[in-house]
């Protein structure tokens, strides 16, 4: 079994972290809406509800987009891609 590693993989690439920020933004925008959580328990409950609101379709979209961006990075050998 051969494992391919990408030596050109940028550790903080905005292309690859875009989806992390999408999911984080979704949760953050769901949690920090008025009325704001006033206790750790309320914050915990708000985060739990936000995570439960993530649908399978959203995760499929995130995965498909991530897969596409990884393919583009592989084909371009990690070169800068404007507007991806």
PDB file of N, CA and C in Angstrom:
ATOM      1  N   UNK A   1       0.850  -1.175   0.000  1.00  0.00           N
ATOM      2  CA  UNK A   1       0.000   0.000   0.000  1.00  0.00           C
ATOM      3  C   UNK A   1       0.897   1.240   0.000  1.00  0.00           C
ATOM      4  N   UNK A   2       0.671   2.103  -0.947  1.00  0.00           N
ATOM      5  CA  UNK A   2       1.469   3.313  -1.068  1.00  0.00           C
ATOM      6  C   UNK A   2       0.706   4.495  -0.490  1.00  0.00           C
ATOM      7  N   UNK A   3       1.361   5.256   0.340  1.00  0.00           N
ATOM      8  CA  UNK A   3       0.766   6.460   0.900  1.00  0.00           C
ATOM      9  C   UNK A   3       1.449   7.650   0.249  1.00  0.00           C
ATOM     10  N   UNK A   4       0.657   8.505  -0.353  1.00  0.00           N
ATOM     11  CA  UNK A   4       1.193   9.682  -1.015  1.00  0.00           C
ATOM     12  C   UNK A   4       1.163  10.853  -0.053  1.00  0.00           C
ATOM     13  N   UNK A   5       2.269  11.531   0.055  1.00  0.00           N
ATOM     14  CA  UNK A   5       2.309  12.749   0.863  1.00  0.00           C
ATOM     15  C   UNK A   5       2.558  13.918  -0.065  1.00  0.00           C
ATOM     16  N   UNK A   6       2.044  15.040   0.293  1.00  0.00           N
ATOM     17  CA  UNK A   6       2.194  16.236  -0.503  1.00  0.00           C
ATOM     18  C   UNK A   6       3.189  17.154   0.194  1.00  0.00           C
ATOM     19  N   UNK A   7       4.392  17.239  -0.356  1.00  0.00           N
ATOM     20  CA  UNK A   7       5.404  18.081   0.269  1.00  0.00           C
ATOM     21  C   UNK A   7       5.087  19.566   0.076  1.00  0.00           C
ATOM     22  N   UNK A   8       4.181  19.867  -0.838  1.00  0.00           N
ATOM     23  CA  UNK A   8       3.832  21.256  -1.106  1.00  0.00           C
ATOM     24  C   UNK A   8       2.603  21.695  -0.331  1.00  0.00           C
ATOM     25  N   UNK A   9       2.127  20.877   0.553  1.00  0.00           N
ATOM     26  CA  UNK A   9       0.894  21.162   1.291  1.00  0.00           C
ATOM     27  C   UNK A   9       1.104  22.343   2.217  1.00  0.00           C
ATOM     28  N   UNK A  10       0.464  23.471   1.961  1.00  0.00           N
ATOM     29  CA  UNK A  10       0.643  24.621   2.839  1.00  0.00           C
ATOM     30  C   UNK A  10      -0.108  24.434   4.155  1.00  0.00           C
ATOM     31  N   UNK A  11       0.565  24.552   5.286  1.00  0.00           N
ATOM     32  CA  UNK A  11      -0.073  24.263   6.571  1.00  0.00           C
ATOM     33  C   UNK A  11      -1.222  25.190   6.935  1.00  0.00           C
ATOM     34  N   UNK A  12      -1.194  26.414   6.491  1.00  0.00           N
ATOM     35  CA  UNK A  12      -2.253  27.373   6.834  1.00  0.00           C
ATOM     36  C   UNK A  12      -2.940  27.886   5.581  1.00  0.00           C
ATOM     37  N   UNK A  13      -3.056  27.047   4.586  1.00  0.00           N
ATOM     38  CA  UNK A  13      -3.639  27.477   3.320  1.00  0.00           C
ATOM     39  C   UNK A  13      -5.087  27.888   3.500  1.00  0.00           C
ATOM     40  N   UNK A  14      -5.451  29.105   3.052  1.00  0.00           N
ATOM     41  CA  UNK A  14      -6.854  29.513   3.141  1.00  0.00           C
ATOM     42  C   UNK A  14      -7.748  28.660   2.265  1.00  0.00           C
ATOM     43  N   UNK A  15      -7.199  28.053   1.225  1.00  0.00           N
ATOM     44  CA  UNK A  15      -7.990  27.177   0.365  1.00  0.00           C
ATOM     45  C   UNK A  15      -8.436  25.956   1.154  1.00  0.00           C
ATOM     46  N   UNK A  16      -7.545  25.419   1.975  1.00  0.00           N
ATOM     47  CA  UNK A  16      -7.847  24.193   2.687  1.00  0.00           C
ATOM     48  C   UNK A  16      -8.560  24.448   4.006  1.00  0.00           C
ATOM     49  N   UNK A  17      -8.387  25.622   4.581  1.00  0.00           N
ATOM     50  CA  UNK A  17      -9.043  25.909   5.846  1.00  0.00           C
ATOM     51  C   UNK A  17     -10.387  26.611   5.650  1.00  0.00           C
ATOM     52  N   UNK A  18     -10.724  26.905   4.417  1.00  0.00           N
ATOM     53  CA  UNK A  18     -11.988  27.565   4.113  1.00  0.00           C
ATOM     54  C   UNK A  18     -13.166  26.812   4.726  1.00  0.00           C
ATOM     55  N   UNK A  19     -13.123  25.503   4.650  1.00  0.00           N
ATOM     56  CA  UNK A  19     -14.250  24.705   5.108  1.00  0.00           C
ATOM     57  C   UNK A  19     -14.292  24.603   6.621  1.00  0.00           C
ATOM     58  N   UNK A  20     -13.110  24.594   7.219  1.00  0.00           N
ATOM     59  CA  UNK A  20     -13.057  24.680   8.673  1.00  0.00           C
ATOM     60  C   UNK A  20     -13.730  25.978   9.123  1.00  0.00           C
ATOM     61  N   UNK A  21     -13.397  27.069   8.459  1.00  0.00           N
ATOM     62  CA  UNK A  21     -13.981  28.352   8.829  1.00  0.00           C
ATOM     63  C   UNK A  21     -15.468  28.409   8.502  1.00  0.00           C
ATOM     64  N   UNK A  22     -15.891  27.724   7.443  1.00  0.00           N
ATOM     65  CA  UNK A  22     -17.315  27.669   7.136  1.00  0.00           C
ATOM     66  C   UNK A  22     -18.064  27.008   8.291  1.00  0.00           C
ATOM     67  N   UNK A  23     -17.591  25.848   8.729  1.00  0.00           N
ATOM     68  CA  UNK A  23     -18.281  25.140   9.810  1.00  0.00           C
ATOM     69  C   UNK A  23     -18.188  25.918  11.116  1.00  0.00           C
ATOM     70  N   UNK A  24     -17.001  26.481  11.411  1.00  0.00           N
ATOM     71  CA  UNK A  24     -16.846  27.277  12.621  1.00  0.00           C
ATOM     72  C   UNK A  24     -17.762  28.490  12.569  1.00  0.00           C
ATOM     73  N   UNK A  25     -17.832  29.147  11.419  1.00  0.00           N
ATOM     74  CA  UNK A  25     -18.692  30.313  11.262  1.00  0.00           C
ATOM     75  C   UNK A  25     -20.155  29.967  11.440  1.00  0.00           C
ATOM     76  N   UNK A  26     -20.557  28.820  10.922  1.00  0.00           N
ATOM     77  CA  UNK A  26     -21.937  28.377  11.074  1.00  0.00           C
ATOM     78  C   UNK A  26     -22.276  28.185  12.543  1.00  0.00           C
ATOM     79  N   UNK A  27     -21.395  27.501  13.261  1.00  0.00           N
ATOM     80  CA  UNK A  27     -21.638  27.259  14.692  1.00  0.00           C
ATOM     81  C   UNK A  27     -21.622  28.582  15.456  1.00  0.00           C
ATOM     82  N   UNK A  28     -20.622  29.417  15.191  1.00  0.00           N
ATOM     83  CA  UNK A  28     -20.510  30.697  15.892  1.00  0.00           C
ATOM     84  C   UNK A  28     -21.740  31.573  15.643  1.00  0.00           C
ATOM     85  N   UNK A  29     -22.178  31.640  14.384  1.00  0.00           N
ATOM     86  CA  UNK A  29     -23.347  32.452  14.057  1.00  0.00           C
ATOM     87  C   UNK A  29     -24.632  31.893  14.661  1.00  0.00           C
ATOM     88  N   UNK A  30     -24.635  30.604  14.942  1.00  0.00           N
ATOM     89  CA  UNK A  30     -25.810  29.993  15.572  1.00  0.00           C
ATOM     90  C   UNK A  30     -25.811  30.177  17.090  1.00  0.00           C
ATOM     91  N   UNK A  31     -24.618  30.249  17.681  1.00  0.00           N
ATOM     92  CA  UNK A  31     -24.501  30.340  19.140  1.00  0.00           C
ATOM     93  C   UNK A  31     -24.614  31.787  19.617  1.00  0.00           C
ATOM     94  N   UNK A  32     -23.914  32.689  18.953  1.00  0.00           N
ATOM     95  CA  UNK A  32     -23.842  34.064  19.427  1.00  0.00           C
ATOM     96  C   UNK A  32     -24.888  34.951  18.758  1.00  0.00           C
ATOM     97  N   UNK A  33     -26.136  34.628  19.056  1.00  0.00           N
ATOM     98  CA  UNK A  33     -27.273  35.444  18.622  1.00  0.00           C
ATOM     99  C   UNK A  33     -28.084  35.780  19.872  1.00  0.00           C
ATOM    100  N   UNK A  34     -28.675  36.943  19.898  1.00  0.00           N
ATOM    101  CA  UNK A  34     -29.484  37.296  21.069  1.00  0.00           C
ATOM    102  C   UNK A  34     -30.663  36.343  21.233  1.00  0.00           C
ATOM    103  N   UNK A  35     -31.004  35.988  22.414  1.00  0.00           N
ATOM    104  CA  UNK A  35     -30.334  36.308  23.675  1.00  0.00           C
ATOM    105  C   UNK A  35     -29.069  35.465  23.814  1.00  0.00           C
ATOM    106  N   UNK A  36     -27.982  36.115  24.201  1.00  0.00           N
ATOM    107  CA  UNK A  36     -26.697  35.450  24.332  1.00  0.00           C
ATOM    108  C   UNK A  36     -26.708  34.509  25.532  1.00  0.00           C
ATOM    109  N   UNK A  37     -25.925  33.425  25.436  1.00  0.00           N
ATOM    110  CA  UNK A  37     -25.818  32.529  26.600  1.00  0.00           C
ATOM    111  C   UNK A  37     -25.273  33.288  27.805  1.00  0.00           C
ATOM    112  N   UNK A  38     -25.897  33.095  28.938  1.00  0.00           N
ATOM    113  CA  UNK A  38     -25.509  33.833  30.147  1.00  0.00           C
ATOM    114  C   UNK A  38     -24.735  32.967  31.136  1.00  0.00           C
ATOM    115  N   UNK A  39     -24.614  31.682  30.849  1.00  0.00           N
ATOM    116  CA  UNK A  39     -23.868  30.796  31.740  1.00  0.00           C
ATOM    117  C   UNK A  39     -23.144  29.747  30.896  1.00  0.00           C
ATOM    118  N   UNK A  40     -22.236  29.064  31.539  1.00  0.00           N
ATOM    119  CA  UNK A  40     -21.512  27.990  30.850  1.00  0.00           C
ATOM    120  C   UNK A  40     -22.493  26.912  30.381  1.00  0.00           C
ATOM    121  N   UNK A  41     -23.477  26.610  31.190  1.00  0.00           N
ATOM    122  CA  UNK A  41     -24.471  25.604  30.827  1.00  0.00           C
ATOM    123  C   UNK A  41     -25.257  26.037  29.579  1.00  0.00           C
ATOM    124  N   UNK A  42     -25.679  27.296  29.543  1.00  0.00           N
ATOM    125  CA  UNK A  42     -26.404  27.800  28.368  1.00  0.00           C
ATOM    126  C   UNK A  42     -25.503  27.804  27.133  1.00  0.00           C
ATOM    127  N   UNK A  43     -24.223  28.163  27.325  1.00  0.00           N
ATOM    128  CA  UNK A  43     -23.277  28.150  26.208  1.00  0.00           C
ATOM    129  C   UNK A  43     -23.099  26.727  25.685  1.00  0.00           C
ATOM    130  N   UNK A  44     -22.950  25.793  26.587  1.00  0.00           N
ATOM    131  CA  UNK A  44     -22.820  24.385  26.216  1.00  0.00           C
ATOM    132  C   UNK A  44     -24.043  23.929  25.431  1.00  0.00           C
ATOM    133  N   UNK A  45     -25.225  24.260  25.920  1.00  0.00           N
ATOM    134  CA  UNK A  45     -26.461  23.879  25.236  1.00  0.00           C
ATOM    135  C   UNK A  45     -26.562  24.531  23.858  1.00  0.00           C
ATOM    136  N   UNK A  46     -26.166  25.800  23.750  1.00  0.00           N
ATOM    137  CA  UNK A  46     -26.214  26.495  22.463  1.00  0.00           C
ATOM    138  C   UNK A  46     -25.265  25.868  21.457  1.00  0.00           C
ATOM    139  N   UNK A  47     -24.067  25.519  21.905  1.00  0.00           N
ATOM    140  CA  UNK A  47     -23.101  24.865  21.015  1.00  0.00           C
ATOM    141  C   UNK A  47     -23.615  23.503  20.588  1.00  0.00           C
ATOM    142  N   UNK A  48     -24.185  22.758  21.524  1.00  0.00           N
ATOM    143  CA  UNK A  48     -24.740  21.437  21.206  1.00  0.00           C
ATOM    144  C   UNK A  48     -25.844  21.553  20.170  1.00  0.00           C
ATOM    145  N   UNK A  49     -26.745  22.505  20.333  1.00  0.00           N
ATOM    146  CA  UNK A  49     -27.838  22.697  19.371  1.00  0.00           C
ATOM    147  C   UNK A  49     -27.301  23.115  18.003  1.00  0.00           C
ATOM    148  N   UNK A  50     -26.285  23.974  17.993  1.00  0.00           N
ATOM    149  CA  UNK A  50     -25.696  24.412  16.722  1.00  0.00           C
ATOM    150  C   UNK A  50     -25.055  23.237  15.996  1.00  0.00           C
ATOM    151  N   UNK A  51     -24.337  22.395  16.735  1.00  0.00           N
ATOM    152  CA  UNK A  51     -23.711  21.223  16.107  1.00  0.00           C
ATOM    153  C   UNK A  51     -24.760  20.245  15.587  1.00  0.00           C
ATOM    154  N   UNK A  52     -25.855  20.103  16.318  1.00  0.00           N
ATOM    155  CA  UNK A  52     -26.923  19.209  15.870  1.00  0.00           C
ATOM    156  C   UNK A  52     -27.653  19.754  14.649  1.00  0.00           C
ATOM    157  N   UNK A  53     -27.560  21.062  14.411  1.00  0.00           N
ATOM    158  CA  UNK A  53     -28.225  21.682  13.265  1.00  0.00           C
ATOM    159  C   UNK A  53     -27.441  21.488  11.962  1.00  0.00           C
ATOM    160  N   UNK A  54     -26.196  21.024  12.061  1.00  0.00           N
ATOM    161  CA  UNK A  54     -25.410  20.754  10.857  1.00  0.00           C
ATOM    162  C   UNK A  54     -25.993  19.514  10.195  1.00  0.00           C
ATOM    163  N   UNK A  55     -26.420  19.678   8.968  1.00  0.00           N
ATOM    164  CA  UNK A  55     -27.093  18.578   8.265  1.00  0.00           C
ATOM    165  C   UNK A  55     -26.090  17.737   7.482  1.00  0.00           C
ATOM    166  N   UNK A  56     -26.522  16.563   7.123  1.00  0.00           N
ATOM    167  CA  UNK A  56     -25.699  15.686   6.291  1.00  0.00           C
ATOM    168  C   UNK A  56     -25.417  16.344   4.944  1.00  0.00           C
ATOM    169  N   UNK A  57     -26.394  17.068   4.402  1.00  0.00           N
ATOM    170  CA  UNK A  57     -26.185  17.765   3.132  1.00  0.00           C
ATOM    171  C   UNK A  57     -25.088  18.817   3.250  1.00  0.00           C
ATOM    172  N   UNK A  58     -25.047  19.536   4.370  1.00  0.00           N
ATOM    173  CA  UNK A  58     -23.995  20.537   4.579  1.00  0.00           C
ATOM    174  C   UNK A  58     -22.629  19.856   4.616  1.00  0.00           C
ATOM    175  N   UNK A  59     -22.535  18.744   5.333  1.00  0.00           N
ATOM    176  CA  UNK A  59     -21.263  18.037   5.428  1.00  0.00           C
ATOM    177  C   UNK A  59     -20.847  17.453   4.087  1.00  0.00           C
ATOM    178  N   UNK A  60     -21.804  16.972   3.299  1.00  0.00           N
ATOM    179  CA  UNK A  60     -21.484  16.471   1.959  1.00  0.00           C
ATOM    180  C   UNK A  60     -20.960  17.600   1.083  1.00  0.00           C
ATOM    181  N   UNK A  61     -21.587  18.771   1.167  1.00  0.00           N
ATOM    182  CA  UNK A  61     -21.134  19.917   0.381  1.00  0.00           C
ATOM    183  C   UNK A  61     -19.719  20.305   0.789  1.00  0.00           C
ATOM    184  N   UNK A  62     -19.481  20.376   2.100  1.00  0.00           N
ATOM    185  CA  UNK A  62     -18.150  20.731   2.593  1.00  0.00           C
ATOM    186  C   UNK A  62     -17.123  19.719   2.092  1.00  0.00           C
ATOM    187  N   UNK A  63     -17.443  18.438   2.181  1.00  0.00           N
ATOM    188  CA  UNK A  63     -16.511  17.407   1.737  1.00  0.00           C
ATOM    189  C   UNK A  63     -16.266  17.495   0.234  1.00  0.00           C
ATOM    190  N   UNK A  64     -17.321  17.678  -0.567  1.00  0.00           N
ATOM    191  CA  UNK A  64     -17.162  17.781  -2.025  1.00  0.00           C
ATOM    192  C   UNK A  64     -16.285  18.969  -2.396  1.00  0.00           C
ATOM    193  N   UNK A  65     -16.507  20.106  -1.747  1.00  0.00           N
ATOM    194  CA  UNK A  65     -15.702  21.287  -2.032  1.00  0.00           C
ATOM    195  C   UNK A  65     -14.252  21.081  -1.586  1.00  0.00           C
ATOM    196  N   UNK A  66     -14.054  20.492  -0.436  1.00  0.00           N
ATOM    197  CA  UNK A  66     -12.715  20.197   0.048  1.00  0.00           C
ATOM    198  C   UNK A  66     -11.994  19.266  -0.916  1.00  0.00           C
ATOM    199  N   UNK A  67     -12.677  18.225  -1.351  1.00  0.00           N
ATOM    200  CA  UNK A  67     -12.101  17.259  -2.286  1.00  0.00           C
ATOM    201  C   UNK A  67     -11.689  17.950  -3.588  1.00  0.00           C
ATOM    202  N   UNK A  68     -12.536  18.834  -4.079  1.00  0.00           N
ATOM    203  CA  UNK A  68     -12.222  19.584  -5.298  1.00  0.00           C
ATOM    204  C   UNK A  68     -10.967  20.433  -5.105  1.00  0.00           C
ATOM    205  N   UNK A  69     -10.885  21.136  -3.982  1.00  0.00           N
ATOM    206  CA  UNK A  69      -9.745  22.007  -3.726  1.00  0.00           C
ATOM    207  C   UNK A  69      -8.462  21.202  -3.543  1.00  0.00           C
ATOM    208  N   UNK A  70      -8.550  20.031  -2.923  1.00  0.00           N
ATOM    209  CA  UNK A  70      -7.377  19.170  -2.800  1.00  0.00           C
ATOM    210  C   UNK A  70      -6.924  18.718  -4.184  1.00  0.00           C
ATOM    211  N   UNK A  71      -7.856  18.350  -5.049  1.00  0.00           N
ATOM    212  CA  UNK A  71      -7.510  17.958  -6.420  1.00  0.00           C
ATOM    213  C   UNK A  71      -6.807  19.098  -7.153  1.00  0.00           C
ATOM    214  N   UNK A  72      -7.325  20.316  -7.015  1.00  0.00           N
ATOM    215  CA  UNK A  72      -6.709  21.473  -7.670  1.00  0.00           C
ATOM    216  C   UNK A  72      -5.296  21.680  -7.123  1.00  0.00           C
ATOM    217  N   UNK A  73      -5.112  21.578  -5.827  1.00  0.00           N
ATOM    218  CA  UNK A  73      -3.776  21.727  -5.231  1.00  0.00           C
ATOM    219  C   UNK A  73      -2.829  20.659  -5.756  1.00  0.00           C
ATOM    220  N   UNK A  74      -3.330  19.452  -5.907  1.00  0.00           N
ATOM    221  CA  UNK A  74      -2.507  18.351  -6.405  1.00  0.00           C
ATOM    222  C   UNK A  74      -2.099  18.598  -7.859  1.00  0.00           C
ATOM    223  N   UNK A  75      -3.054  18.980  -8.697  1.00  0.00           N
ATOM    224  CA  UNK A  75      -2.785  19.204 -10.121  1.00  0.00           C
ATOM    225  C   UNK A  75      -1.820  20.367 -10.325  1.00  0.00           C
ATOM    226  N   UNK A  76      -1.974  21.425  -9.538  1.00  0.00           N
ATOM    227  CA  UNK A  76      -1.128  22.616  -9.694  1.00  0.00           C
ATOM    228  C   UNK A  76       0.152  22.528  -8.867  1.00  0.00           C
ATOM    229  N   UNK A  77       0.334  21.414  -8.206  1.00  0.00           N
ATOM    230  CA  UNK A  77       1.500  21.187  -7.344  1.00  0.00           C
ATOM    231  C   UNK A  77       1.650  22.286  -6.287  1.00  0.00           C
ATOM    232  N   UNK A  78       0.520  22.736  -5.782  1.00  0.00           N
ATOM    233  CA  UNK A  78       0.515  23.701  -4.686  1.00  0.00           C
ATOM    234  C   UNK A  78       0.736  25.139  -5.093  1.00  0.00           C
ATOM    235  N   UNK A  79       0.708  25.414  -6.390  1.00  0.00           N
ATOM    236  CA  UNK A  79       0.925  26.784  -6.850  1.00  0.00           C
ATOM    237  C   UNK A  79      -0.224  27.684  -6.392  1.00  0.00           C
ATOM    238  N   UNK A  80       0.058  28.973  -6.329  1.00  0.00           N
ATOM    239  CA  UNK A  80      -0.967  29.945  -5.964  1.00  0.00           C
ATOM    240  C   UNK A  80      -2.047  29.964  -7.034  1.00  0.00           C
ATOM    241  N   UNK A  81      -3.285  29.909  -6.611  1.00  0.00           N
ATOM    242  CA  UNK A  81      -4.420  29.913  -7.537  1.00  0.00           C
ATOM    243  C   UNK A  81      -5.304  31.094  -7.169  1.00  0.00           C
ATOM    244  N   UNK A  82      -5.378  32.045  -8.047  1.00  0.00           N
ATOM    245  CA  UNK A  82      -6.159  33.256  -7.783  1.00  0.00           C
ATOM    246  C   UNK A  82      -7.651  32.941  -7.847  1.00  0.00           C
ATOM    247  N   UNK A  83      -8.383  33.343  -6.826  1.00  0.00           N
ATOM    248  CA  UNK A  83      -9.838  33.263  -6.843  1.00  0.00           C
ATOM    249  C   UNK A  83     -10.427  31.886  -6.752  1.00  0.00           C
ATOM    250  N   UNK A  84      -9.701  30.936  -6.203  1.00  0.00           N
ATOM    251  CA  UNK A  84     -10.248  29.583  -6.087  1.00  0.00           C
ATOM    252  C   UNK A  84     -11.233  29.510  -4.973  1.00  0.00           C
TER     253      UNK A  84
END
